Amino acid sequence: MRKVIFLDRDGVINKERGAYTFKITDFEINEGVFDFLKIAQNKGYEFIVITNQGGISKGIYNHKDVNLVHEFMLTKLKQVGIDILSIYYCPHHSENENCICRKPKSLLLEKSIARFSIDKSLSFFIGDSERDVEAAKNVGMRGIKIESNSNLMQLKNNLI
């Protein structure tokens, strides 16, 4: 069984700008992300990103835009020796449709837990909104809410 830190994207990994981040030029890694993930990786954690990308549903950007940003993010992380196990995103928005994958619903977490044999008792979800914490609770896992764009190093004592 794996121990995994689930991460929201916007506001946790990269700057929450108050607008959709779907261009590489707008993607900026938050302070402390590299250091925190390196420490966690050295303690045996793996990482999965779970993100709502409702701008797709609204027609603001498309799947290709999201994939390009994710490839850019993965490259930046890989350059400092950090591997991401997987990225899951929900392309829906509650204004346009009802789905079971948009956080706080838990389908994306459930899929990843089953796919990667994750030990929920050793894993947790870091997010910057109550919906992230609620999604974690919905699968019986601990959720940790941080302030948007804060330094992840504040959580280093949560690592076992």
Protein backbone atom coordinates (compact mmCIF):
# COMPACT_ATOMS: atom_id res chain seq x y z
CA MET A 1 0.00 0.00 0.00
CA ARG A 2 1.22 3.45 -0.91
CA LYS A 3 1.22 6.63 1.13
CA VAL A 4 0.27 9.60 -0.97
CA ILE A 5 -0.09 13.32 -0.54
CA PHE A 6 -2.93 14.56 -2.70
CA LEU A 7 -2.46 18.15 -3.81
CA ASP A 8 -4.86 20.69 -5.17
CA ARG A 9 -3.20 22.63 -7.98
CA ASP A 10 -4.17 26.32 -8.05
CA GLY A 11 -3.32 27.98 -4.74
CA VAL A 12 -1.32 25.00 -3.44
CA ILE A 13 1.23 24.11 -6.13
CA ASN A 14 0.99 27.30 -8.16
CA LYS A 15 -0.17 30.85 -7.54
CA GLU A 16 -3.91 31.35 -7.29
CA ARG A 17 -4.32 34.44 -9.43
CA GLY A 18 -8.04 35.03 -9.00
CA ALA A 19 -8.48 33.96 -12.63
CA TYR A 20 -8.16 30.65 -14.44
CA THR A 21 -4.56 29.52 -14.93
CA PHE A 22 -4.45 27.83 -18.32
CA LYS A 23 -1.38 29.41 -19.91
CA ILE A 24 2.22 28.49 -19.10
CA THR A 25 3.07 32.20 -18.86
CA ASP A 26 0.63 32.50 -15.92
CA PHE A 27 1.87 29.39 -14.10
CA GLU A 28 4.13 30.22 -11.13
CA ILE A 29 5.17 27.61 -8.54
CA ASN A 30 4.46 28.70 -4.96
CA GLU A 31 7.22 29.19 -2.42
CA GLY A 32 8.16 26.07 -0.48
CA VAL A 33 6.61 23.59 -2.93
CA PHE A 34 9.91 22.12 -4.12
CA ASP A 35 11.40 21.88 -0.62
CA PHE A 36 8.28 20.37 0.95
CA LEU A 37 7.80 17.80 -1.81
CA LYS A 38 11.48 16.78 -1.68
CA ILE A 39 11.26 16.20 2.08
CA ALA A 40 8.00 14.27 1.68
CA GLN A 41 9.38 12.20 -1.18
CA ASN A 42 12.42 11.31 0.94
CA LYS A 43 9.99 10.09 3.63
CA GLY A 44 8.34 7.73 1.14
CA TYR A 45 5.38 9.82 0.01
CA GLU A 46 4.17 9.90 -3.55
CA PHE A 47 2.04 12.67 -5.04
CA ILE A 48 -1.22 12.95 -6.94
CA VAL A 49 -2.72 16.21 -8.12
CA ILE A 50 -6.51 16.57 -8.01
CA THR A 51 -7.82 19.78 -9.57
CA ASN A 52 -11.10 21.30 -10.72
CA GLN A 53 -10.74 22.85 -14.16
CA GLY A 54 -14.24 24.24 -14.71
CA GLY A 55 -13.01 26.76 -17.26
CA ILE A 56 -13.20 23.93 -19.80
CA SER A 57 -16.94 23.61 -19.26
CA LYS A 58 -17.31 27.38 -19.51
CA GLY A 59 -15.47 27.41 -22.86
CA ILE A 60 -12.65 29.62 -21.55
CA TYR A 61 -9.96 27.05 -22.35
CA ASN A 62 -9.75 23.41 -23.42
CA HIS A 63 -8.21 20.06 -22.48
CA LYS A 64 -5.12 20.80 -24.59
CA ASP A 65 -4.48 23.99 -22.58
CA VAL A 66 -4.73 22.07 -19.30
CA ASN A 67 -2.45 19.32 -20.56
CA LEU A 68 0.19 21.83 -21.68
CA VAL A 69 0.17 23.50 -18.26
CA HIS A 70 0.40 20.09 -16.58
CA GLU A 71 3.32 19.05 -18.80
CA PHE A 72 5.07 22.32 -17.90
CA MET A 73 4.41 21.72 -14.18
CA LEU A 74 5.66 18.12 -14.36
CA THR A 75 8.82 19.27 -16.15
CA LYS A 76 9.53 21.92 -13.48
CA LEU A 77 9.04 19.35 -10.71
CA LYS A 78 11.10 16.70 -12.51
CA GLN A 79 13.99 19.20 -12.87
CA VAL A 80 14.33 19.22 -9.07
CA GLY A 81 13.85 15.46 -8.73
CA ILE A 82 10.14 15.34 -7.85
CA ASP A 83 7.87 12.81 -9.52
CA ILE A 84 4.09 13.09 -9.67
CA LEU A 85 2.32 9.75 -9.70
CA SER A 86 -0.71 11.10 -11.57
CA ILE A 87 -2.87 14.15 -12.26
CA TYR A 88 -6.64 14.01 -12.27
CA TYR A 89 -8.81 16.95 -13.24
CA CYS A 90 -12.52 17.62 -13.48
CA PRO A 91 -13.48 19.60 -16.60
CA HIS A 92 -17.02 20.30 -15.40
CA HIS A 93 -18.50 23.32 -13.68
CA SER A 94 -21.54 23.31 -11.41
CA GLU A 95 -23.00 26.24 -13.39
CA ASN A 96 -23.23 24.03 -16.47
CA GLU A 97 -23.64 20.44 -15.32
CA ASN A 98 -23.77 18.14 -12.34
CA CYS A 99 -20.97 15.61 -12.09
CA ILE A 100 -19.48 13.29 -9.51
CA CYS A 101 -15.85 14.20 -10.13
CA ARG A 102 -15.82 17.91 -9.20
CA LYS A 103 -14.55 18.46 -5.68
CA PRO A 104 -16.03 18.30 -3.07
CA LYS A 105 -17.36 15.11 -4.66
CA SER A 106 -14.86 12.32 -4.50
CA LEU A 107 -14.77 10.30 -7.73
CA LEU A 108 -11.25 11.41 -8.69
CA LEU A 109 -9.93 10.52 -5.25
CA GLU A 110 -11.75 7.17 -5.30
CA LYS A 111 -10.32 6.33 -8.74
CA SER A 112 -6.77 7.13 -7.71
CA ILE A 113 -7.04 5.28 -4.37
CA ALA A 114 -8.23 2.14 -6.17
CA ARG A 115 -5.82 2.44 -9.11
CA PHE A 116 -2.70 2.92 -6.99
CA SER A 117 -3.59 0.87 -3.87
CA ILE A 118 -3.31 3.86 -1.55
CA ASP A 119 -3.37 3.53 2.22
CA LYS A 120 -5.82 6.27 3.25
CA SER A 121 -4.67 6.13 6.87
CA LEU A 122 -1.15 7.22 5.83
CA SER A 123 -2.26 9.67 3.15
CA PHE A 124 -3.79 13.13 3.16
CA PHE A 125 -5.05 15.90 0.91
CA ILE A 126 -3.67 19.46 0.93
CA GLY A 127 -6.00 22.09 -0.47
CA ASP A 128 -6.78 25.76 -0.18
CA SER A 129 -10.55 25.47 -0.02
CA GLU A 130 -13.11 23.74 2.13
CA ARG A 131 -14.18 21.64 -0.88
CA ASP A 132 -10.72 20.02 -0.93
CA VAL A 133 -10.99 19.06 2.74
CA GLU A 134 -14.54 17.83 2.21
CA ALA A 135 -13.48 15.65 -0.74
CA ALA A 136 -10.84 14.04 1.49
CA LYS A 137 -13.38 13.44 4.25
CA ASN A 138 -15.75 11.88 1.73
CA VAL A 139 -13.24 9.06 1.17
CA GLY A 140 -12.22 8.73 4.83
CA MET A 141 -8.94 10.56 4.50
CA ARG A 142 -7.51 13.55 6.34
CA GLY A 143 -7.74 16.90 4.60
CA ILE A 144 -5.53 19.86 5.43
CA LYS A 145 -6.63 23.34 4.44
CA ILE A 146 -3.99 25.98 3.89
CA GLU A 147 -4.27 29.59 2.91
CA SER A 148 -3.96 30.11 -0.86
CA ASN A 149 -0.39 30.65 -2.04
CA SER A 150 1.10 29.94 1.38
CA ASN A 151 4.41 28.17 1.88
CA LEU A 152 3.96 24.39 2.06
CA MET A 153 6.94 24.09 4.39
CA GLN A 154 4.53 25.00 7.19
CA LEU A 155 3.26 21.41 6.88
CA LYS A 156 6.58 19.57 7.12
CA ASN A 157 5.73 18.41 10.68
CA ASN A 158 2.68 16.57 9.27
CA LEU A 159 4.96 14.09 7.49
CA ILE A 160 5.42 10.66 9.04
